[in-house]
Structure formats: structure tokens, C-alpha cells
Amino acid sequence: MRAVPTSRHPRSSGPAGRSGPSGGRGARETPGDSLAPELRRAVEHAGYYPALVSDVVAVALGGEEARAHLVHQETTFDGEEVRRHVTVVVLTPTRLVVAHADDGTDLVEGGTGGPRSHAAAASTEAVPLSQVRSVVLSHVVSRPDLYRGGDPAAELTVTIGWGSVQRLDLEPASCADPQCDADHGYSGSLSSDDVVLRVSAAADGADAVARALRFAGALSAATAGRASS
């Protein structure tokens, strides 16, 4: 779920990304209409095809209440292109719903020789809270010597693992003898990092860091069996 999209193509217009030909298309009821207003506003603020993202998130929720959410839009650079993608993580009473949207393979119209039209891909995964194995928070503070209780972090990385993606870190093993030059093989650690979201006050704003911290707290409480209200 880490492919990155390009922003060469225009975003969907309108407050919910539904404006279209003069046919009142925006009046049509869509799955995204069922999203909680706060979650819907966060998706629209991210700006990456909000109508598409809202619909796929709503379908994955299946009518369940969204108790907490985190919407993270990220921009990366690939040569001369600016690429963007968005990840939405929603906590319900029973599940963790993760949605990711980015650019898909452009479609060829009228056969192989036709013009290409832009395509976007959106995927979702719903994980029972009982299967969430870890919620890892990495805090970065710019001046730890001046830190006072309650001060905001300059950067926060939220890593959520449930075993779908495993990362193995290996390094040469050694022994206590500094003169030993024998081959001791490798040692390593296996970690789960299905979703990794890095939020920076400099890039995303202090409010975004605070929202990420609140979501991580709600998820930690829910997975510990103390779901916050």
C-alpha cells in the first residue's frame, strides 16, 4: 500500500469532488454521503480525489461508527514529477479500516493505439481489533533540554502492525571475543509494519501531529480493551 501517485492530473473539483457535466450529478446519493462529517471534511482537506476516497472508505466501514480517524496525505518527488497519495485509517468499535489511494496504470482508450486516460487505484483493508499486534509511536522533539510536560512533538511516526507485512532486519552476528574472526552468521529482528504514517509539524502543521497523537491514543486504548469514548 505504498505506491505514490502523480499530481499532474487535476483533482476532482467541488467540496466533495463531485462536480461534473450540467446534469446535477452532485445530487446523486453516494456511499460517501454516509461518512461522519468530521471524517468527510478530513478527506476533502487532503484533496486527493475526495469523492473516490470517501466512497471506498464508506463501503469498507459497512455502516459501522467511526470512533476515531487519521487522514494523511503525502507528497514525494520523482525526477520532475510531484507524486501524491493519501492514506485513511479509521477506528470502529470492532475493526481498524485502512484505505489507500494513489495513481493506477493509465488506461488506453480505443485499443493499443488510442489515447491514454488517467486512472486511480484505491484499496481498503479491514482488520479486527483483536488482530492488531502493535501500535508503535516514535516521537521526535527538537529541543529535549527545554522540553516541558505536554509540549508537542516536532514529528510523530505511527506504525501499526497486524502481521500482513513483515520486515526482517539482518546484521552480521558477533561474539564477545574482539580477536575472533570466525563467521557467526547473522542475527536479526522481525517486525510488523503494515501501516507507517509520518507526520511532521514543519510539513503538515502542529495540528496534524496532535491529531495523529490522539488517534494513536484511541487505537492503543481500543486494542487494550479500553475503547475511549
C-alpha atoms as a PDB file:
ATOM      1  CA  MET A   1       0.000   0.000   0.000  1.00  0.00           C
ATOM      2  CA  ARG A   2       2.846   2.399  -0.621  1.00  0.00           C
ATOM      3  CA  ALA A   3       2.651   3.248  -4.320  1.00  0.00           C
ATOM      4  CA  VAL A   4       2.839   7.002  -4.906  1.00  0.00           C
ATOM      5  CA  PRO A   5       0.588   8.941  -7.251  1.00  0.00           C
ATOM      6  CA  THR A   6       1.328  11.869  -9.501  1.00  0.00           C
ATOM      7  CA  SER A   7      -0.360  15.214  -9.160  1.00  0.00           C
ATOM      8  CA  ARG A   8      -0.057  16.001 -12.861  1.00  0.00           C
ATOM      9  CA  HIS A   9      -3.738  15.286 -13.272  1.00  0.00           C
ATOM     10  CA  PRO A  10      -6.332  17.729 -11.906  1.00  0.00           C
ATOM     11  CA  ARG A  11      -8.090  16.933  -8.677  1.00  0.00           C
ATOM     12  CA  SER A  12     -11.799  16.344  -8.540  1.00  0.00           C
ATOM     13  CA  SER A  13     -13.435  19.716  -8.147  1.00  0.00           C
ATOM     14  CA  GLY A  14     -16.092  20.893  -5.758  1.00  0.00           C
ATOM     15  CA  PRO A  15     -16.307  20.493  -1.985  1.00  0.00           C
ATOM     16  CA  ALA A  16     -16.797  16.740  -2.303  1.00  0.00           C
ATOM     17  CA  GLY A  17     -15.147  16.247  -5.669  1.00  0.00           C
ATOM     18  CA  ARG A  18     -18.470  15.542  -7.413  1.00  0.00           C
ATOM     19  CA  SER A  19     -18.959  18.390  -9.849  1.00  0.00           C
ATOM     20  CA  GLY A  20     -19.472  17.227 -13.391  1.00  0.00           C
ATOM     21  CA  PRO A  21     -21.442  17.952 -16.529  1.00  0.00           C
ATOM     22  CA  SER A  22     -24.544  20.023 -16.110  1.00  0.00           C
ATOM     23  CA  GLY A  23     -26.724  17.204 -15.042  1.00  0.00           C
ATOM     24  CA  GLY A  24     -26.856  17.674 -11.305  1.00  0.00           C
ATOM     25  CA  ARG A  25     -24.577  14.714 -10.764  1.00  0.00           C
ATOM     26  CA  GLY A  26     -23.780  16.068  -7.289  1.00  0.00           C
ATOM     27  CA  ALA A  27     -27.394  15.491  -6.216  1.00  0.00           C
ATOM     28  CA  ARG A  28     -26.998  11.726  -6.590  1.00  0.00           C
ATOM     29  CA  GLU A  29     -26.718   9.835  -3.315  1.00  0.00           C
ATOM     30  CA  THR A  30     -23.330   8.142  -2.941  1.00  0.00           C
ATOM     31  CA  PRO A  31     -21.733   5.818  -0.356  1.00  0.00           C
ATOM     32  CA  GLY A  32     -19.508   8.676   0.794  1.00  0.00           C
ATOM     33  CA  ASP A  33     -22.553  10.630   1.962  1.00  0.00           C
ATOM     34  CA  SER A  34     -22.807   8.281   4.949  1.00  0.00           C
ATOM     35  CA  LEU A  35     -19.416   9.277   6.379  1.00  0.00           C
ATOM     36  CA  ALA A  36     -19.338  11.255   9.602  1.00  0.00           C
ATOM     37  CA  PRO A  37     -18.980  14.983   8.802  1.00  0.00           C
ATOM     38  CA  GLU A  38     -15.608  15.313  10.550  1.00  0.00           C
ATOM     39  CA  LEU A  39     -14.151  12.349   8.654  1.00  0.00           C
ATOM     40  CA  ARG A  40     -15.591  13.632   5.384  1.00  0.00           C
ATOM     41  CA  ARG A  41     -14.027  17.070   5.948  1.00  0.00           C
ATOM     42  CA  ALA A  42     -10.642  15.496   6.658  1.00  0.00           C
ATOM     43  CA  VAL A  43     -10.787  13.514   3.401  1.00  0.00           C
ATOM     44  CA  GLU A  44     -11.775  16.630   1.457  1.00  0.00           C
ATOM     45  CA  HIS A  45      -8.987  18.636   3.084  1.00  0.00           C
ATOM     46  CA  ALA A  46      -6.417  16.055   1.936  1.00  0.00           C
ATOM     47  CA  GLY A  47      -7.528  16.874  -1.600  1.00  0.00           C
ATOM     48  CA  TYR A  48      -6.682  13.635  -3.379  1.00  0.00           C
ATOM     49  CA  TYR A  49      -9.843  12.633  -5.278  1.00  0.00           C
ATOM     50  CA  PRO A  50     -12.053  13.071  -2.180  1.00  0.00           C
ATOM     51  CA  ALA A  51     -15.208  11.658  -3.778  1.00  0.00           C
ATOM     52  CA  LEU A  52     -13.411   8.416  -4.652  1.00  0.00           C
ATOM     53  CA  VAL A  53     -11.722   8.132  -1.254  1.00  0.00           C
ATOM     54  CA  SER A  54     -14.956   8.889   0.615  1.00  0.00           C
ATOM     55  CA  ASP A  55     -16.845   6.193  -1.280  1.00  0.00           C
ATOM     56  CA  VAL A  56     -14.287   3.420  -0.748  1.00  0.00           C
ATOM     57  CA  VAL A  57     -13.923   4.271   2.955  1.00  0.00           C
ATOM     58  CA  ALA A  58     -17.695   4.261   3.434  1.00  0.00           C
ATOM     59  CA  VAL A  59     -18.057   0.873   1.711  1.00  0.00           C
ATOM     60  CA  ALA A  60     -15.295  -0.607   3.893  1.00  0.00           C
ATOM     61  CA  LEU A  61     -16.913   0.766   7.057  1.00  0.00           C
ATOM     62  CA  GLY A  62     -20.151  -1.034   6.223  1.00  0.00           C
ATOM     63  CA  GLY A  63     -22.227   1.316   8.341  1.00  0.00           C
ATOM     64  CA  GLU A  64     -20.075   0.984  11.469  1.00  0.00           C
ATOM     65  CA  GLU A  65     -19.431   4.023  13.617  1.00  0.00           C
ATOM     66  CA  ALA A  66     -16.137   5.835  13.030  1.00  0.00           C
ATOM     67  CA  ARG A  67     -14.853   6.465  16.548  1.00  0.00           C
ATOM     68  CA  ALA A  68     -11.516   7.948  15.501  1.00  0.00           C
ATOM     69  CA  HIS A  69      -9.710   8.568  12.245  1.00  0.00           C
ATOM     70  CA  LEU A  70      -6.432   9.722  10.761  1.00  0.00           C
ATOM     71  CA  VAL A  71      -6.123  11.036   7.204  1.00  0.00           C
ATOM     72  CA  HIS A  72      -2.598  11.518   5.909  1.00  0.00           C
ATOM     73  CA  GLN A  73      -1.669  12.906   2.514  1.00  0.00           C
ATOM     74  CA  GLU A  74       1.975  12.620   1.483  1.00  0.00           C
ATOM     75  CA  THR A  75       3.897  14.242  -1.347  1.00  0.00           C
ATOM     76  CA  THR A  76       7.068  12.765  -2.824  1.00  0.00           C
ATOM     77  CA  PHE A  77       9.271  13.794  -5.719  1.00  0.00           C
ATOM     78  CA  ASP A  78      10.339  11.555  -8.596  1.00  0.00           C
ATOM     79  CA  GLY A  79      12.560  13.450 -11.012  1.00  0.00           C
ATOM     80  CA  GLU A  80      10.464  16.278 -12.395  1.00  0.00           C
ATOM     81  CA  GLU A  81       7.177  14.835 -11.199  1.00  0.00           C
ATOM     82  CA  VAL A  82       5.394  15.561  -7.931  1.00  0.00           C
ATOM     83  CA  ARG A  83       3.601  12.475  -6.679  1.00  0.00           C
ATOM     84  CA  ARG A  84       0.879  12.327  -4.049  1.00  0.00           C
ATOM     85  CA  HIS A  85      -1.108   9.657  -2.265  1.00  0.00           C
ATOM     86  CA  VAL A  86      -3.458   9.512   0.695  1.00  0.00           C
ATOM     87  CA  THR A  87      -3.982   7.006   3.499  1.00  0.00           C
ATOM     88  CA  VAL A  88      -7.100   6.953   5.681  1.00  0.00           C
ATOM     89  CA  VAL A  89      -7.158   4.933   8.899  1.00  0.00           C
ATOM     90  CA  VAL A  90     -10.474   4.610  10.750  1.00  0.00           C
ATOM     91  CA  LEU A  91     -11.144   3.044  14.136  1.00  0.00           C
ATOM     92  CA  THR A  92     -14.572   1.454  14.621  1.00  0.00           C
ATOM     93  CA  PRO A  93     -15.914  -0.408  17.673  1.00  0.00           C
ATOM     94  CA  THR A  94     -14.689  -3.711  16.225  1.00  0.00           C
ATOM     95  CA  ARG A  95     -12.218  -3.059  13.403  1.00  0.00           C
ATOM     96  CA  LEU A  96      -9.383  -0.978  12.036  1.00  0.00           C
ATOM     97  CA  VAL A  97     -10.211   0.100   8.484  1.00  0.00           C
ATOM     98  CA  VAL A  98      -7.327   1.228   6.271  1.00  0.00           C
ATOM     99  CA  ALA A  99      -7.805   2.829   2.858  1.00  0.00           C
ATOM    100  CA  HIS A 100      -5.102   3.930   0.438  1.00  0.00           C
ATOM    101  CA  ALA A 101      -5.498   5.782  -2.848  1.00  0.00           C
ATOM    102  CA  ASP A 102      -2.892   6.528  -5.480  1.00  0.00           C
ATOM    103  CA  ASP A 103      -2.423   6.623  -9.224  1.00  0.00           C
ATOM    104  CA  GLY A 104      -3.105   3.425 -11.111  1.00  0.00           C
ATOM    105  CA  THR A 105      -1.942   2.362 -14.554  1.00  0.00           C
ATOM    106  CA  ASP A 106      -3.237   4.739 -17.220  1.00  0.00           C
ATOM    107  CA  LEU A 107      -5.951   3.214 -19.368  1.00  0.00           C
ATOM    108  CA  VAL A 108      -5.652   3.068 -23.155  1.00  0.00           C
ATOM    109  CA  GLU A 109      -8.820   4.053 -24.969  1.00  0.00           C
ATOM    110  CA  GLY A 110      -9.797   2.505 -28.307  1.00  0.00           C
ATOM    111  CA  GLY A 111      -7.161  -0.226 -28.318  1.00  0.00           C
ATOM    112  CA  THR A 112      -3.405  -0.090 -28.076  1.00  0.00           C
ATOM    113  CA  GLY A 113      -3.093   2.925 -30.366  1.00  0.00           C
ATOM    114  CA  GLY A 114      -5.669   5.097 -28.595  1.00  0.00           C
ATOM    115  CA  PRO A 115      -5.049   7.977 -26.206  1.00  0.00           C
ATOM    116  CA  ARG A 116      -4.372   7.288 -22.564  1.00  0.00           C
ATOM    117  CA  SER A 117      -6.790   8.338 -19.828  1.00  0.00           C
ATOM    118  CA  HIS A 118      -5.746   8.754 -16.235  1.00  0.00           C
ATOM    119  CA  ALA A 119      -6.642   6.009 -13.740  1.00  0.00           C
ATOM    120  CA  ALA A 120      -6.543   5.986  -9.954  1.00  0.00           C
ATOM    121  CA  ALA A 121      -6.479   2.964  -7.648  1.00  0.00           C
ATOM    122  CA  ALA A 122      -7.988   2.776  -4.174  1.00  0.00           C
ATOM    123  CA  SER A 123      -7.724  -0.238  -1.868  1.00  0.00           C
ATOM    124  CA  THR A 124      -9.092  -0.975   1.578  1.00  0.00           C
ATOM    125  CA  GLU A 125      -8.394  -3.493   4.316  1.00  0.00           C
ATOM    126  CA  ALA A 126     -10.477  -4.134   7.423  1.00  0.00           C
ATOM    127  CA  VAL A 127      -8.675  -5.713  10.376  1.00  0.00           C
ATOM    128  CA  PRO A 128     -10.415  -6.966  13.544  1.00  0.00           C
ATOM    129  CA  LEU A 129      -9.054  -5.097  16.564  1.00  0.00           C
ATOM    130  CA  SER A 130      -8.173  -8.428  18.150  1.00  0.00           C
ATOM    131  CA  GLN A 131      -5.622  -8.974  15.361  1.00  0.00           C
ATOM    132  CA  VAL A 132      -3.770  -5.672  15.770  1.00  0.00           C
ATOM    133  CA  ARG A 133      -0.443  -6.750  17.236  1.00  0.00           C
ATOM    134  CA  SER A 134       1.357  -3.466  17.789  1.00  0.00           C
ATOM    135  CA  VAL A 135       0.949   0.299  17.817  1.00  0.00           C
ATOM    136  CA  VAL A 136       4.385   1.929  17.751  1.00  0.00           C
ATOM    137  CA  LEU A 137       4.866   5.671  18.263  1.00  0.00           C
ATOM    138  CA  SER A 138       8.169   7.389  17.512  1.00  0.00           C
ATOM    139  CA  HIS A 139       8.346  10.922  18.905  1.00  0.00           C
ATOM    140  CA  VAL A 140      10.900  13.494  17.729  1.00  0.00           C
ATOM    141  CA  VAL A 141      11.456  16.549  19.934  1.00  0.00           C
ATOM    142  CA  SER A 142      13.603  19.384  18.600  1.00  0.00           C
ATOM    143  CA  ARG A 143      14.916  20.721  21.929  1.00  0.00           C
ATOM    144  CA  PRO A 144      14.720  17.976  24.551  1.00  0.00           C
ATOM    145  CA  ASP A 145      16.671  20.109  27.034  1.00  0.00           C
ATOM    146  CA  LEU A 146      13.815  22.629  27.013  1.00  0.00           C
ATOM    147  CA  TYR A 147      11.015  20.075  26.905  1.00  0.00           C
ATOM    148  CA  ARG A 148       8.229  20.523  29.456  1.00  0.00           C
ATOM    149  CA  GLY A 149       5.398  18.122  30.117  1.00  0.00           C
ATOM    150  CA  GLY A 150       2.709  18.373  27.472  1.00  0.00           C
ATOM    151  CA  ASP A 151       4.861  20.119  24.854  1.00  0.00           C
ATOM    152  CA  PRO A 152       4.035  18.972  21.306  1.00  0.00           C
ATOM    153  CA  ALA A 153       6.426  16.795  19.343  1.00  0.00           C
ATOM    154  CA  ALA A 154       8.093  18.131  16.210  1.00  0.00           C
ATOM    155  CA  GLU A 155       7.448  14.847  14.431  1.00  0.00           C
ATOM    156  CA  LEU A 156       5.458  11.686  15.096  1.00  0.00           C
ATOM    157  CA  THR A 157       5.635   8.350  13.290  1.00  0.00           C
ATOM    158  CA  VAL A 158       2.734   5.949  13.831  1.00  0.00           C
ATOM    159  CA  THR A 159       3.435   2.318  12.936  1.00  0.00           C
ATOM    160  CA  ILE A 160       0.557  -0.161  13.112  1.00  0.00           C
ATOM    161  CA  GLY A 161       1.144  -3.871  12.629  1.00  0.00           C
ATOM    162  CA  TRP A 162      -1.190  -6.830  12.350  1.00  0.00           C
ATOM    163  CA  GLY A 163       1.048  -9.319  10.547  1.00  0.00           C
ATOM    164  CA  SER A 164       0.107  -8.695   6.934  1.00  0.00           C
ATOM    165  CA  VAL A 165       3.520  -7.146   6.180  1.00  0.00           C
ATOM    166  CA  GLN A 166       6.663  -8.358   7.960  1.00  0.00           C
ATOM    167  CA  ARG A 167      10.072  -6.663   7.853  1.00  0.00           C
ATOM    168  CA  LEU A 168      13.237  -8.629   8.584  1.00  0.00           C
ATOM    169  CA  ASP A 169      16.328  -6.632   9.578  1.00  0.00           C
ATOM    170  CA  LEU A 170      19.587  -8.640   9.449  1.00  0.00           C
ATOM    171  CA  GLU A 171      23.111  -7.804  10.557  1.00  0.00           C
ATOM    172  CA  PRO A 172      26.295  -9.866  10.934  1.00  0.00           C
ATOM    173  CA  ALA A 173      26.398 -11.675  14.258  1.00  0.00           C
ATOM    174  CA  SER A 174      29.450 -11.388  16.530  1.00  0.00           C
ATOM    175  CA  CYS A 175      30.822 -12.846  19.734  1.00  0.00           C
ATOM    176  CA  ALA A 176      32.415 -11.368  22.848  1.00  0.00           C
ATOM    177  CA  ASP A 177      35.988 -12.087  21.689  1.00  0.00           C
ATOM    178  CA  PRO A 178      37.345  -8.980  19.899  1.00  0.00           C
ATOM    179  CA  GLN A 179      40.075 -11.114  18.225  1.00  0.00           C
ATOM    180  CA  CYS A 180      37.628 -13.629  16.780  1.00  0.00           C
ATOM    181  CA  ASP A 181      37.276 -13.515  13.007  1.00  0.00           C
ATOM    182  CA  ALA A 182      35.014 -16.530  12.626  1.00  0.00           C
ATOM    183  CA  ASP A 183      31.780 -16.344  10.708  1.00  0.00           C
ATOM    184  CA  HIS A 184      28.946 -16.293  13.237  1.00  0.00           C
ATOM    185  CA  GLY A 185      26.184 -15.958  10.676  1.00  0.00           C
ATOM    186  CA  TYR A 186      23.541 -13.301  11.029  1.00  0.00           C
ATOM    187  CA  SER A 187      21.223 -12.038  13.708  1.00  0.00           C
ATOM    188  CA  GLY A 188      18.113 -10.023  13.107  1.00  0.00           C
ATOM    189  CA  SER A 189      14.722  -8.896  14.184  1.00  0.00           C
ATOM    190  CA  LEU A 190      11.304  -9.436  12.649  1.00  0.00           C
ATOM    191  CA  SER A 191       8.830  -6.587  12.919  1.00  0.00           C
ATOM    192  CA  SER A 192       5.384  -5.870  11.583  1.00  0.00           C
ATOM    193  CA  ASP A 193       4.764  -2.536   9.858  1.00  0.00           C
ATOM    194  CA  ASP A 194       1.586  -2.785   7.810  1.00  0.00           C
ATOM    195  CA  VAL A 195       0.943   0.970   8.053  1.00  0.00           C
ATOM    196  CA  VAL A 196       3.597   3.603   8.667  1.00  0.00           C
ATOM    197  CA  LEU A 197       2.483   7.240   8.835  1.00  0.00           C
ATOM    198  CA  ARG A 198       4.989  10.018   9.468  1.00  0.00           C
ATOM    199  CA  VAL A 199       3.543  13.387  10.464  1.00  0.00           C
ATOM    200  CA  SER A 200       5.749  16.460  10.821  1.00  0.00           C
ATOM    201  CA  ALA A 201       4.857  19.810  12.339  1.00  0.00           C
ATOM    202  CA  ALA A 202       7.066  21.541   9.780  1.00  0.00           C
ATOM    203  CA  ALA A 203       5.448  19.859   6.779  1.00  0.00           C
ATOM    204  CA  ASP A 204       1.911  19.089   7.979  1.00  0.00           C
ATOM    205  CA  GLY A 205       1.370  21.544  10.830  1.00  0.00           C
ATOM    206  CA  ALA A 206       1.280  21.164  14.607  1.00  0.00           C
ATOM    207  CA  ASP A 207      -2.453  20.344  14.487  1.00  0.00           C
ATOM    208  CA  ALA A 208      -1.747  17.340  12.257  1.00  0.00           C
ATOM    209  CA  VAL A 209       0.756  15.995  14.779  1.00  0.00           C
ATOM    210  CA  ALA A 210      -1.783  16.468  17.572  1.00  0.00           C
ATOM    211  CA  ARG A 211      -4.476  14.657  15.564  1.00  0.00           C
ATOM    212  CA  ALA A 212      -2.115  11.756  14.884  1.00  0.00           C
ATOM    213  CA  LEU A 213      -1.306  11.506  18.587  1.00  0.00           C
ATOM    214  CA  ARG A 214      -4.995  11.491  19.534  1.00  0.00           C
ATOM    215  CA  PHE A 215      -5.740   8.767  17.005  1.00  0.00           C
ATOM    216  CA  ALA A 216      -2.831   6.642  18.214  1.00  0.00           C
ATOM    217  CA  GLY A 217      -4.072   7.038  21.781  1.00  0.00           C
ATOM    218  CA  ALA A 218      -7.588   5.965  20.807  1.00  0.00           C
ATOM    219  CA  LEU A 219      -6.259   2.939  18.896  1.00  0.00           C
ATOM    220  CA  SER A 220      -3.974   1.934  21.758  1.00  0.00           C
ATOM    221  CA  ALA A 221      -6.877   2.142  24.202  1.00  0.00           C
ATOM    222  CA  ALA A 222      -9.134   0.118  21.897  1.00  0.00           C
ATOM    223  CA  THR A 223      -6.598  -2.649  21.355  1.00  0.00           C
ATOM    224  CA  ALA A 224      -6.035  -2.785  25.110  1.00  0.00           C
ATOM    225  CA  GLY A 225      -9.745  -3.341  25.632  1.00  0.00           C
ATOM    226  CA  ARG A 226     -10.386   0.165  26.992  1.00  0.00           C
ATOM    227  CA  ALA A 227     -12.003   1.792  23.958  1.00  0.00           C
ATOM    228  CA  SER A 228     -12.171   5.522  24.502  1.00  0.00           C
ATOM    229  CA  SER A 229     -15.443   7.276  24.044  1.00  0.00           C
END
